[in-house]
Amino acid sequence: MKLKELKKSSVLLILTGIICISGIAGTAAYFSDFDKATNTIGVGHNTTDITENFPTPPDKPIDENPEYEKKIWVANNPVDASGYNVDCYIRVSLSYSNSDVGNAVILKGLDKTNWVYEDGYYYYNKILKEGERTTPLITGFSIDSSKVSNADFIKDFSIDVYEESVQAGNYTDYKSAWNHYLNPIP
């Protein structure tokens, strides 16, 4: 009887070994099988540019309150290839080379329909899509000589334009996009 049990045990052991080996081979085949796929993913760019049209200013003394033509707008331009720029919201700030200029400048043709002035910035209230540009923030400016304490200080002056953009994403308006940008953690 012992021989019969030994044969049964041997057969069971061999069958168990065969099952285990075939299970390992199937699992190894599953884990070693692969397929190659190439996914092309482009990173979106938030690339905007300030554009100014500032023709040669008239040669007029400050005491005659000269007017200057100057257009300022922002464009959402692709860096390398189109299709990768993201929609964005724009804000612009203007600063002056000295306080006399800042006090004396009067902005002309200020677009109050598409631009909103808040907290020191002019916010463009529309989404700027790839290849688009904003409406001009201003079309010119003048100098009010009555507000100039010393005309020599503003003989050579500058109006500096600073621009920032933030991805529009799922935001419904410029306020919510900029609020999230300035306060990202609720």
N, C-alpha and C. Protein backbone atom coordinates (compact mmCIF):
# COMPACT_ATOMS: atom_id res chain seq x y z
N MET A 1 0.79 -1.18 0.00
CA MET A 1 0.00 0.00 0.00
C MET A 1 0.85 1.25 0.00
N LYS A 2 1.94 1.19 0.59
CA LYS A 2 2.82 2.33 0.63
C LYS A 2 3.33 2.68 -0.75
N LEU A 3 3.55 1.72 -1.57
CA LEU A 3 4.02 1.97 -2.92
C LEU A 3 2.96 2.67 -3.75
N LYS A 4 1.71 2.28 -3.55
CA LYS A 4 0.62 2.91 -4.26
C LYS A 4 0.48 4.37 -3.84
N GLU A 5 0.61 4.63 -2.53
CA GLU A 5 0.51 6.00 -2.03
C GLU A 5 1.68 6.84 -2.52
N LEU A 6 2.82 6.22 -2.60
CA LEU A 6 4.00 6.92 -3.08
C LEU A 6 3.85 7.30 -4.54
N LYS A 7 3.28 6.41 -5.34
CA LYS A 7 3.05 6.69 -6.75
C LYS A 7 2.04 7.84 -6.89
N LYS A 8 0.95 7.78 -6.07
CA LYS A 8 -0.06 8.84 -6.13
C LYS A 8 0.56 10.19 -5.73
N SER A 9 1.37 10.15 -4.68
CA SER A 9 2.01 11.39 -4.22
C SER A 9 2.95 11.93 -5.27
N SER A 10 3.68 11.05 -5.93
CA SER A 10 4.62 11.47 -6.97
C SER A 10 3.87 12.07 -8.15
N VAL A 11 2.77 11.43 -8.53
CA VAL A 11 1.97 11.93 -9.66
C VAL A 11 1.39 13.30 -9.29
N LEU A 12 0.86 13.43 -8.09
CA LEU A 12 0.30 14.71 -7.64
C LEU A 12 1.38 15.80 -7.60
N LEU A 13 2.54 15.44 -7.12
CA LEU A 13 3.66 16.38 -7.06
C LEU A 13 4.09 16.81 -8.46
N ILE A 14 4.16 15.89 -9.36
CA ILE A 14 4.53 16.21 -10.75
C ILE A 14 3.47 17.08 -11.39
N LEU A 15 2.19 16.75 -11.22
CA LEU A 15 1.10 17.56 -11.77
C LEU A 15 1.11 18.98 -11.18
N THR A 16 1.31 19.06 -9.88
CA THR A 16 1.38 20.38 -9.23
C THR A 16 2.56 21.17 -9.79
N GLY A 17 3.67 20.54 -9.98
CA GLY A 17 4.85 21.22 -10.57
C GLY A 17 4.57 21.71 -11.97
N ILE A 18 3.90 20.86 -12.79
CA ILE A 18 3.58 21.26 -14.17
C ILE A 18 2.63 22.46 -14.16
N ILE A 19 1.63 22.43 -13.29
CA ILE A 19 0.67 23.54 -13.21
C ILE A 19 1.38 24.83 -12.78
N CYS A 20 2.26 24.70 -11.78
CA CYS A 20 3.00 25.89 -11.31
C CYS A 20 3.90 26.45 -12.40
N ILE A 21 4.61 25.58 -13.10
CA ILE A 21 5.52 26.03 -14.16
C ILE A 21 4.73 26.70 -15.28
N SER A 22 3.60 26.12 -15.67
CA SER A 22 2.81 26.73 -16.75
C SER A 22 2.21 28.06 -16.28
N GLY A 23 1.84 28.17 -14.99
CA GLY A 23 1.33 29.43 -14.45
C GLY A 23 2.41 30.51 -14.44
N ILE A 24 3.62 30.14 -14.07
CA ILE A 24 4.74 31.09 -14.06
C ILE A 24 5.07 31.53 -15.48
N ALA A 25 5.07 30.59 -16.40
CA ALA A 25 5.38 30.94 -17.79
C ALA A 25 4.34 31.90 -18.36
N GLY A 26 3.06 31.66 -18.05
CA GLY A 26 2.00 32.56 -18.53
C GLY A 26 2.12 33.94 -17.91
N THR A 27 2.41 33.99 -16.63
CA THR A 27 2.58 35.28 -15.94
C THR A 27 3.81 36.00 -16.49
N ALA A 28 4.89 35.31 -16.69
CA ALA A 28 6.11 35.93 -17.24
C ALA A 28 5.85 36.46 -18.64
N ALA A 29 5.09 35.72 -19.43
CA ALA A 29 4.75 36.18 -20.78
C ALA A 29 3.90 37.44 -20.70
N TYR A 30 2.98 37.49 -19.73
CA TYR A 30 2.11 38.66 -19.57
C TYR A 30 2.94 39.89 -19.19
N PHE A 31 3.85 39.75 -18.25
CA PHE A 31 4.64 40.89 -17.79
C PHE A 31 5.73 41.31 -18.77
N SER A 32 6.14 40.44 -19.64
CA SER A 32 7.19 40.80 -20.58
C SER A 32 6.65 41.30 -21.92
N ASP A 33 5.36 41.17 -22.14
CA ASP A 33 4.77 41.65 -23.38
C ASP A 33 4.60 43.17 -23.32
N PHE A 34 4.94 43.87 -24.39
CA PHE A 34 4.77 45.32 -24.40
C PHE A 34 4.48 45.79 -25.81
N ASP A 35 3.95 46.97 -25.87
CA ASP A 35 3.65 47.60 -27.14
C ASP A 35 4.18 49.02 -27.05
N LYS A 36 4.70 49.57 -28.11
CA LYS A 36 5.29 50.90 -28.10
C LYS A 36 4.33 51.88 -28.77
N ALA A 37 4.09 53.00 -28.09
CA ALA A 37 3.24 54.06 -28.64
C ALA A 37 3.93 55.40 -28.40
N THR A 38 3.90 56.25 -29.37
CA THR A 38 4.49 57.57 -29.23
C THR A 38 3.38 58.58 -29.03
N ASN A 39 3.42 59.28 -27.89
CA ASN A 39 2.45 60.32 -27.58
C ASN A 39 3.13 61.67 -27.74
N THR A 40 2.57 62.49 -28.59
CA THR A 40 3.11 63.82 -28.77
C THR A 40 2.31 64.77 -27.90
N ILE A 41 2.99 65.37 -26.94
CA ILE A 41 2.34 66.30 -26.02
C ILE A 41 3.08 67.63 -26.12
N GLY A 42 2.33 68.68 -26.30
CA GLY A 42 2.93 70.00 -26.35
C GLY A 42 2.60 70.77 -25.09
N VAL A 43 3.57 71.45 -24.57
CA VAL A 43 3.37 72.27 -23.38
C VAL A 43 2.83 73.63 -23.83
N GLY A 44 1.78 74.08 -23.19
CA GLY A 44 1.21 75.37 -23.54
C GLY A 44 2.08 76.52 -23.07
N HIS A 45 2.10 77.57 -23.84
CA HIS A 45 2.89 78.76 -23.51
C HIS A 45 1.94 79.91 -23.19
N ASN A 46 2.33 80.69 -22.25
CA ASN A 46 1.62 81.92 -21.94
C ASN A 46 2.58 83.04 -22.33
N THR A 47 2.61 83.36 -23.60
CA THR A 47 3.59 84.29 -24.14
C THR A 47 2.90 85.51 -24.72
N THR A 48 3.07 86.62 -24.06
CA THR A 48 2.45 87.86 -24.52
C THR A 48 3.52 88.92 -24.71
N ASP A 49 3.24 89.88 -25.58
CA ASP A 49 4.19 90.94 -25.89
C ASP A 49 3.51 92.30 -25.84
N ILE A 50 4.23 93.27 -25.31
CA ILE A 50 3.76 94.65 -25.34
C ILE A 50 4.14 95.23 -26.69
N THR A 51 3.20 95.90 -27.31
CA THR A 51 3.49 96.58 -28.56
C THR A 51 3.12 98.04 -28.39
N GLU A 52 4.00 98.92 -28.85
CA GLU A 52 3.74 100.35 -28.75
C GLU A 52 3.95 101.00 -30.10
N ASN A 53 3.10 101.92 -30.42
CA ASN A 53 3.26 102.74 -31.60
C ASN A 53 3.49 104.15 -31.08
N PHE A 54 4.73 104.62 -31.18
CA PHE A 54 5.08 105.92 -30.64
C PHE A 54 5.89 106.69 -31.68
N PRO A 55 5.20 107.42 -32.57
CA PRO A 55 5.91 108.16 -33.60
C PRO A 55 6.78 109.26 -32.98
N THR A 56 7.60 109.85 -33.78
CA THR A 56 8.46 110.94 -33.30
C THR A 56 7.60 112.04 -32.70
N PRO A 57 7.87 112.39 -31.42
CA PRO A 57 7.04 113.40 -30.77
C PRO A 57 7.25 114.79 -31.36
N PRO A 58 6.24 115.64 -31.24
CA PRO A 58 6.38 117.00 -31.76
C PRO A 58 7.40 117.78 -30.92
N ASP A 59 8.07 118.68 -31.56
CA ASP A 59 9.07 119.50 -30.86
C ASP A 59 8.36 120.73 -30.31
N LYS A 60 7.72 120.55 -29.18
CA LYS A 60 6.95 121.61 -28.56
C LYS A 60 7.42 121.77 -27.13
N PRO A 61 7.60 122.99 -26.65
CA PRO A 61 8.01 123.17 -25.26
C PRO A 61 6.91 122.71 -24.30
N ILE A 62 7.31 122.29 -23.11
CA ILE A 62 6.37 121.78 -22.11
C ILE A 62 5.31 122.81 -21.75
N ASP A 63 5.67 124.08 -21.71
CA ASP A 63 4.71 125.11 -21.30
C ASP A 63 3.58 125.29 -22.31
N GLU A 64 3.69 124.67 -23.50
CA GLU A 64 2.62 124.74 -24.49
C GLU A 64 1.71 123.50 -24.44
N ASN A 65 1.82 122.71 -23.38
CA ASN A 65 0.99 121.51 -23.18
C ASN A 65 0.97 120.59 -24.41
N PRO A 66 2.11 120.03 -24.75
CA PRO A 66 2.18 119.20 -25.97
C PRO A 66 1.34 117.92 -25.85
N GLU A 67 0.87 117.47 -27.00
CA GLU A 67 0.15 116.20 -27.09
C GLU A 67 0.99 115.23 -27.90
N TYR A 68 0.96 113.98 -27.50
CA TYR A 68 1.75 112.94 -28.15
C TYR A 68 0.84 111.79 -28.55
N GLU A 69 1.11 111.24 -29.70
CA GLU A 69 0.39 110.04 -30.13
C GLU A 69 1.15 108.84 -29.60
N LYS A 70 0.46 107.93 -28.96
CA LYS A 70 1.10 106.71 -28.44
C LYS A 70 0.01 105.66 -28.27
N LYS A 71 0.17 104.52 -28.90
CA LYS A 71 -0.78 103.42 -28.74
C LYS A 71 -0.06 102.27 -28.05
N ILE A 72 -0.75 101.69 -27.09
CA ILE A 72 -0.19 100.56 -26.33
C ILE A 72 -1.20 99.42 -26.39
N TRP A 73 -0.76 98.25 -26.81
CA TRP A 73 -1.60 97.06 -26.75
C TRP A 73 -0.73 95.86 -26.46
N VAL A 74 -1.37 94.73 -26.17
CA VAL A 74 -0.68 93.50 -25.83
C VAL A 74 -1.16 92.42 -26.78
N ALA A 75 -0.23 91.60 -27.26
CA ALA A 75 -0.56 90.52 -28.19
C ALA A 75 -0.21 89.17 -27.57
N ASN A 76 -1.02 88.17 -27.87
CA ASN A 76 -0.79 86.79 -27.43
C ASN A 76 -0.17 86.05 -28.61
N ASN A 77 1.14 86.07 -28.69
CA ASN A 77 1.85 85.53 -29.85
C ASN A 77 2.48 84.18 -29.56
N PRO A 78 2.41 83.26 -30.52
CA PRO A 78 3.07 81.97 -30.33
C PRO A 78 4.59 82.12 -30.33
N VAL A 79 5.25 81.30 -29.52
CA VAL A 79 6.70 81.33 -29.43
C VAL A 79 7.33 80.62 -30.62
N ASP A 80 7.06 79.31 -30.73
CA ASP A 80 7.68 78.52 -31.80
C ASP A 80 6.68 78.10 -32.87
N ALA A 81 5.58 77.58 -32.43
CA ALA A 81 4.58 77.09 -33.39
C ALA A 81 3.21 77.43 -32.88
N SER A 82 2.32 77.72 -33.79
CA SER A 82 0.96 78.05 -33.36
C SER A 82 0.28 76.81 -32.80
N GLY A 83 -0.74 77.04 -32.02
CA GLY A 83 -1.48 75.95 -31.42
C GLY A 83 -1.03 75.62 -30.02
N TYR A 84 0.02 76.27 -29.51
CA TYR A 84 0.51 75.97 -28.17
C TYR A 84 0.35 77.14 -27.21
N ASN A 85 -0.09 78.29 -27.67
CA ASN A 85 -0.33 79.39 -26.75
C ASN A 85 -1.68 79.20 -26.06
N VAL A 86 -1.72 79.52 -24.79
CA VAL A 86 -2.95 79.36 -24.02
C VAL A 86 -3.73 80.67 -24.02
N ASP A 87 -5.03 80.57 -23.84
CA ASP A 87 -5.85 81.76 -23.66
C ASP A 87 -5.45 82.39 -22.34
N CYS A 88 -5.46 83.71 -22.27
CA CYS A 88 -5.00 84.37 -21.06
C CYS A 88 -5.73 85.68 -20.81
N TYR A 89 -5.57 86.16 -19.59
CA TYR A 89 -6.03 87.49 -19.21
C TYR A 89 -4.79 88.37 -19.03
N ILE A 90 -4.94 89.65 -19.34
CA ILE A 90 -3.83 90.59 -19.35
C ILE A 90 -4.07 91.70 -18.33
N ARG A 91 -2.98 92.19 -17.75
CA ARG A 91 -3.04 93.42 -16.99
C ARG A 91 -1.78 94.24 -17.27
N VAL A 92 -1.93 95.56 -17.24
CA VAL A 92 -0.85 96.47 -17.60
C VAL A 92 -0.76 97.56 -16.54
N SER A 93 0.46 97.94 -16.19
CA SER A 93 0.63 99.11 -15.33
C SER A 93 1.53 100.11 -16.05
N LEU A 94 1.31 101.36 -15.79
CA LEU A 94 2.11 102.43 -16.36
C LEU A 94 2.85 103.12 -15.22
N SER A 95 4.12 103.39 -15.44
CA SER A 95 4.89 104.16 -14.47
C SER A 95 5.67 105.22 -15.23
N TYR A 96 6.14 106.20 -14.52
CA TYR A 96 6.77 107.36 -15.15
C TYR A 96 8.18 107.55 -14.61
N SER A 97 9.02 108.19 -15.42
CA SER A 97 10.43 108.35 -15.06
C SER A 97 10.63 109.21 -13.82
N ASN A 98 9.69 110.10 -13.54
CA ASN A 98 9.73 110.85 -12.28
C ASN A 98 8.33 111.31 -11.91
N SER A 99 8.18 111.78 -10.70
CA SER A 99 6.84 112.13 -10.21
C SER A 99 6.25 113.34 -10.93
N ASP A 100 7.10 114.26 -11.42
CA ASP A 100 6.57 115.39 -12.18
C ASP A 100 5.85 114.91 -13.44
N VAL A 101 6.44 113.96 -14.12
CA VAL A 101 5.80 113.41 -15.32
C VAL A 101 4.50 112.71 -14.92
N GLY A 102 4.54 111.92 -13.86
CA GLY A 102 3.36 111.20 -13.41
C GLY A 102 2.21 112.14 -13.05
N ASN A 103 2.54 113.26 -12.46
CA ASN A 103 1.51 114.24 -12.09
C ASN A 103 0.97 114.99 -13.30
N ALA A 104 1.80 115.18 -14.31
CA ALA A 104 1.44 116.04 -15.44
C ALA A 104 0.83 115.30 -16.63
N VAL A 105 1.01 113.98 -16.70
CA VAL A 105 0.52 113.22 -17.85
C VAL A 105 -1.00 113.08 -17.80
N ILE A 106 -1.63 113.34 -18.93
CA ILE A 106 -3.06 113.09 -19.11
C ILE A 106 -3.19 112.08 -20.24
N LEU A 107 -3.74 110.92 -19.92
CA LEU A 107 -3.89 109.86 -20.93
C LEU A 107 -5.04 110.21 -21.87
N LYS A 108 -4.81 110.05 -23.16
CA LYS A 108 -5.81 110.35 -24.19
C LYS A 108 -6.32 109.05 -24.80
N GLY A 109 -7.58 109.03 -25.14
CA GLY A 109 -8.17 107.86 -25.80
C GLY A 109 -8.12 106.62 -24.94
N LEU A 110 -8.20 106.79 -23.62
CA LEU A 110 -8.18 105.65 -22.71
C LEU A 110 -9.43 104.80 -22.93
N ASP A 111 -9.22 103.53 -23.27
CA ASP A 111 -10.33 102.59 -23.55
C ASP A 111 -10.90 102.09 -22.23
N LYS A 112 -12.01 102.69 -21.80
CA LYS A 112 -12.65 102.30 -20.54
C LYS A 112 -13.70 101.21 -20.74
N THR A 113 -13.91 100.79 -21.97
CA THR A 113 -14.87 99.72 -22.25
C THR A 113 -14.21 98.36 -22.07
N ASN A 114 -13.01 98.18 -22.63
CA ASN A 114 -12.32 96.89 -22.59
C ASN A 114 -11.27 96.80 -21.49
N TRP A 115 -10.88 97.93 -20.92
CA TRP A 115 -9.87 97.97 -19.87
C TRP A 115 -10.51 98.55 -18.60
N VAL A 116 -10.20 97.92 -17.47
CA VAL A 116 -10.73 98.37 -16.18
C VAL A 116 -9.55 98.68 -15.26
N TYR A 117 -9.56 99.87 -14.65
CA TYR A 117 -8.46 100.26 -13.76
C TYR A 117 -8.80 99.90 -12.32
N GLU A 118 -7.97 99.06 -11.72
CA GLU A 118 -8.11 98.64 -10.33
C GLU A 118 -6.74 98.39 -9.74
N ASP A 119 -6.55 98.74 -8.51
CA ASP A 119 -5.34 98.49 -7.70
C ASP A 119 -4.02 98.74 -8.45
N GLY A 120 -3.98 99.81 -9.24
CA GLY A 120 -2.73 100.19 -9.92
C GLY A 120 -2.51 99.52 -11.27
N TYR A 121 -3.45 98.71 -11.73
CA TYR A 121 -3.33 98.01 -13.01
C TYR A 121 -4.54 98.30 -13.88
N TYR A 122 -4.30 98.24 -15.19
CA TYR A 122 -5.38 98.25 -16.17
C TYR A 122 -5.59 96.80 -16.57
N TYR A 123 -6.78 96.26 -16.28
CA TYR A 123 -7.11 94.87 -16.58
C TYR A 123 -7.91 94.82 -17.87
N TYR A 124 -7.44 93.97 -18.81
CA TYR A 124 -8.21 93.74 -20.02
C TYR A 124 -9.31 92.76 -19.65
N ASN A 125 -10.57 93.12 -19.85
CA ASN A 125 -11.67 92.31 -19.32
C ASN A 125 -12.14 91.19 -20.24
N LYS A 126 -11.40 90.91 -21.29
CA LYS A 126 -11.75 89.81 -22.21
C LYS A 126 -10.61 88.80 -22.23
N ILE A 127 -10.96 87.58 -22.60
CA ILE A 127 -9.92 86.55 -22.79
C ILE A 127 -9.17 86.87 -24.07
N LEU A 128 -7.85 86.79 -24.00
CA LEU A 128 -7.01 87.01 -25.18
C LEU A 128 -6.58 85.65 -25.71
N LYS A 129 -7.06 85.31 -26.90
CA LYS A 129 -6.75 84.01 -27.51
C LYS A 129 -5.46 84.11 -28.33
N GLU A 130 -4.93 82.96 -28.69
CA GLU A 130 -3.69 82.90 -29.47
C GLU A 130 -3.82 83.71 -30.76
N GLY A 131 -2.83 84.53 -31.03
CA GLY A 131 -2.79 85.32 -32.26
C GLY A 131 -3.59 86.62 -32.17
N GLU A 132 -4.34 86.81 -31.09
CA GLU A 132 -5.12 88.03 -30.94
C GLU A 132 -4.31 89.09 -30.20
N ARG A 133 -4.82 90.31 -30.26
CA ARG A 133 -4.22 91.38 -29.47
C ARG A 133 -5.34 92.22 -28.85
N THR A 134 -4.99 92.88 -27.78
CA THR A 134 -5.98 93.70 -27.09
C THR A 134 -6.29 94.94 -27.92
N THR A 135 -7.34 95.62 -27.53
CA THR A 135 -7.57 96.95 -28.10
C THR A 135 -6.51 97.86 -27.47
N PRO A 136 -6.16 98.97 -28.12
CA PRO A 136 -5.17 99.86 -27.51
C PRO A 136 -5.68 100.39 -26.16
N LEU A 137 -4.81 100.35 -25.16
CA LEU A 137 -5.14 100.90 -23.86
C LEU A 137 -5.34 102.41 -23.96
N ILE A 138 -4.40 103.08 -24.64
CA ILE A 138 -4.50 104.52 -24.88
C ILE A 138 -4.13 104.80 -26.33
N THR A 139 -4.49 105.97 -26.79
CA THR A 139 -4.08 106.37 -28.15
C THR A 139 -3.11 107.55 -28.10
N GLY A 140 -2.87 108.07 -26.92
CA GLY A 140 -1.93 109.18 -26.79
C GLY A 140 -1.94 109.74 -25.38
N PHE A 141 -1.20 110.82 -25.19
CA PHE A 141 -1.18 111.50 -23.90
C PHE A 141 -0.76 112.94 -24.13
N SER A 142 -1.00 113.75 -23.12
CA SER A 142 -0.55 115.14 -23.17
C SER A 142 0.09 115.48 -21.84
N ILE A 143 0.78 116.60 -21.82
CA ILE A 143 1.43 117.09 -20.60
C ILE A 143 0.72 118.37 -20.17
N ASP A 144 0.26 118.41 -18.94
CA ASP A 144 -0.37 119.61 -18.38
C ASP A 144 0.74 120.39 -17.67
N SER A 145 1.19 121.46 -18.31
CA SER A 145 2.33 122.21 -17.79
C SER A 145 2.05 122.86 -16.44
N SER A 146 0.80 123.09 -16.10
CA SER A 146 0.49 123.70 -14.80
C SER A 146 0.81 122.75 -13.64
N LYS A 147 0.96 121.47 -13.91
CA LYS A 147 1.28 120.49 -12.88
C LYS A 147 2.76 120.14 -12.82
N VAL A 148 3.57 120.84 -13.61
CA VAL A 148 5.01 120.58 -13.66
C VAL A 148 5.72 121.60 -12.77
N SER A 149 6.47 121.11 -11.79
CA SER A 149 7.18 122.03 -10.91
C SER A 149 8.48 122.52 -11.54
N ASN A 150 9.12 121.68 -12.35
CA ASN A 150 10.37 122.08 -12.97
C ASN A 150 10.44 121.42 -14.36
N ALA A 151 10.29 122.23 -15.39
CA ALA A 151 10.25 121.70 -16.77
C ALA A 151 11.54 121.02 -17.16
N ASP A 152 12.65 121.38 -16.53
CA ASP A 152 13.92 120.72 -16.86
C ASP A 152 13.90 119.24 -16.49
N PHE A 153 13.12 118.88 -15.46
CA PHE A 153 13.07 117.49 -15.04
C PHE A 153 12.38 116.60 -16.07
N ILE A 154 11.48 117.16 -16.84
CA ILE A 154 10.76 116.30 -17.78
C ILE A 154 11.14 116.56 -19.24
N LYS A 155 12.28 117.18 -19.42
CA LYS A 155 12.76 117.37 -20.79
C LYS A 155 12.89 116.01 -21.49
N ASP A 156 13.51 115.10 -20.83
CA ASP A 156 13.60 113.72 -21.31
C ASP A 156 12.89 112.85 -20.28
N PHE A 157 11.77 112.31 -20.65
CA PHE A 157 11.01 111.49 -19.71
C PHE A 157 10.61 110.19 -20.38
N SER A 158 10.14 109.28 -19.55
CA SER A 158 9.68 108.00 -20.10
C SER A 158 8.40 107.57 -19.40
N ILE A 159 7.58 106.90 -20.17
CA ILE A 159 6.41 106.21 -19.64
C ILE A 159 6.71 104.73 -19.81
N ASP A 160 6.86 104.04 -18.69
CA ASP A 160 7.22 102.63 -18.73
C ASP A 160 5.96 101.79 -18.66
N VAL A 161 5.90 100.78 -19.52
CA VAL A 161 4.75 99.89 -19.60
C VAL A 161 5.17 98.52 -19.09
N TYR A 162 4.46 98.03 -18.10
CA TYR A 162 4.71 96.71 -17.53
C TYR A 162 3.45 95.87 -17.75
N GLU A 163 3.63 94.63 -18.20
CA GLU A 163 2.49 93.78 -18.54
C GLU A 163 2.66 92.41 -17.91
N GLU A 164 1.56 91.84 -17.46
CA GLU A 164 1.53 90.48 -16.95
C GLU A 164 0.34 89.76 -17.57
N SER A 165 0.47 88.45 -17.66
CA SER A 165 -0.65 87.65 -18.16
C SER A 165 -0.80 86.42 -17.28
N VAL A 166 -2.02 85.93 -17.21
CA VAL A 166 -2.32 84.72 -16.45
C VAL A 166 -3.23 83.85 -17.32
N GLN A 167 -3.01 82.54 -17.24
CA GLN A 167 -3.80 81.61 -18.05
C GLN A 167 -5.27 81.73 -17.69
N ALA A 168 -6.11 81.80 -18.71
CA ALA A 168 -7.55 81.95 -18.49
C ALA A 168 -8.16 80.68 -17.90
N GLY A 169 -7.67 79.53 -18.33
CA GLY A 169 -8.16 78.26 -17.79
C GLY A 169 -9.68 78.19 -17.79
N ASN A 170 -10.24 77.80 -16.66
CA ASN A 170 -11.70 77.67 -16.53
C ASN A 170 -12.34 78.88 -15.86
N TYR A 171 -11.60 79.96 -15.75
CA TYR A 171 -12.15 81.15 -15.09
C TYR A 171 -13.11 81.88 -16.01
N THR A 172 -14.19 82.37 -15.43
CA THR A 172 -15.24 83.00 -16.22
C THR A 172 -14.99 84.48 -16.47
N ASP A 173 -14.11 85.09 -15.66
CA ASP A 173 -13.81 86.50 -15.86
C ASP A 173 -12.40 86.82 -15.37
N TYR A 174 -11.94 88.00 -15.70
CA TYR A 174 -10.57 88.39 -15.35
C TYR A 174 -10.37 88.48 -13.84
N LYS A 175 -11.39 88.89 -13.10
CA LYS A 175 -11.26 89.04 -11.64
C LYS A 175 -10.97 87.71 -10.97
N SER A 176 -11.71 86.67 -11.34
CA SER A 176 -11.49 85.37 -10.70
C SER A 176 -10.14 84.78 -11.09
N ALA A 177 -9.70 84.98 -12.33
CA ALA A 177 -8.39 84.47 -12.75
C ALA A 177 -7.26 85.16 -11.98
N TRP A 178 -7.31 86.48 -11.89
CA TRP A 178 -6.27 87.22 -11.18
C TRP A 178 -6.34 86.98 -9.69
N ASN A 179 -7.55 86.83 -9.15
CA ASN A 179 -7.68 86.55 -7.73
C ASN A 179 -7.02 85.22 -7.38
N HIS A 180 -7.23 84.22 -8.23
CA HIS A 180 -6.59 82.92 -7.99
C HIS A 180 -5.07 83.03 -8.13
N TYR A 181 -4.61 83.77 -9.10
CA TYR A 181 -3.17 83.96 -9.31
C TYR A 181 -2.53 84.63 -8.09
N LEU A 182 -3.18 85.63 -7.55
CA LEU A 182 -2.63 86.38 -6.42
C LEU A 182 -2.83 85.67 -5.09
N ASN A 183 -3.83 84.80 -4.99
CA ASN A 183 -4.14 84.06 -3.76
C ASN A 183 -4.40 82.60 -4.11
N PRO A 184 -3.38 81.84 -4.48
CA PRO A 184 -3.61 80.47 -4.98
C PRO A 184 -4.11 79.48 -3.94
N ILE A 185 -3.86 79.72 -2.67
CA ILE A 185 -4.28 78.80 -1.64
C ILE A 185 -5.52 79.36 -0.96
N PRO A 186 -6.65 78.62 -1.02
CA PRO A 186 -7.89 79.14 -0.42
C PRO A 186 -7.83 79.21 1.09
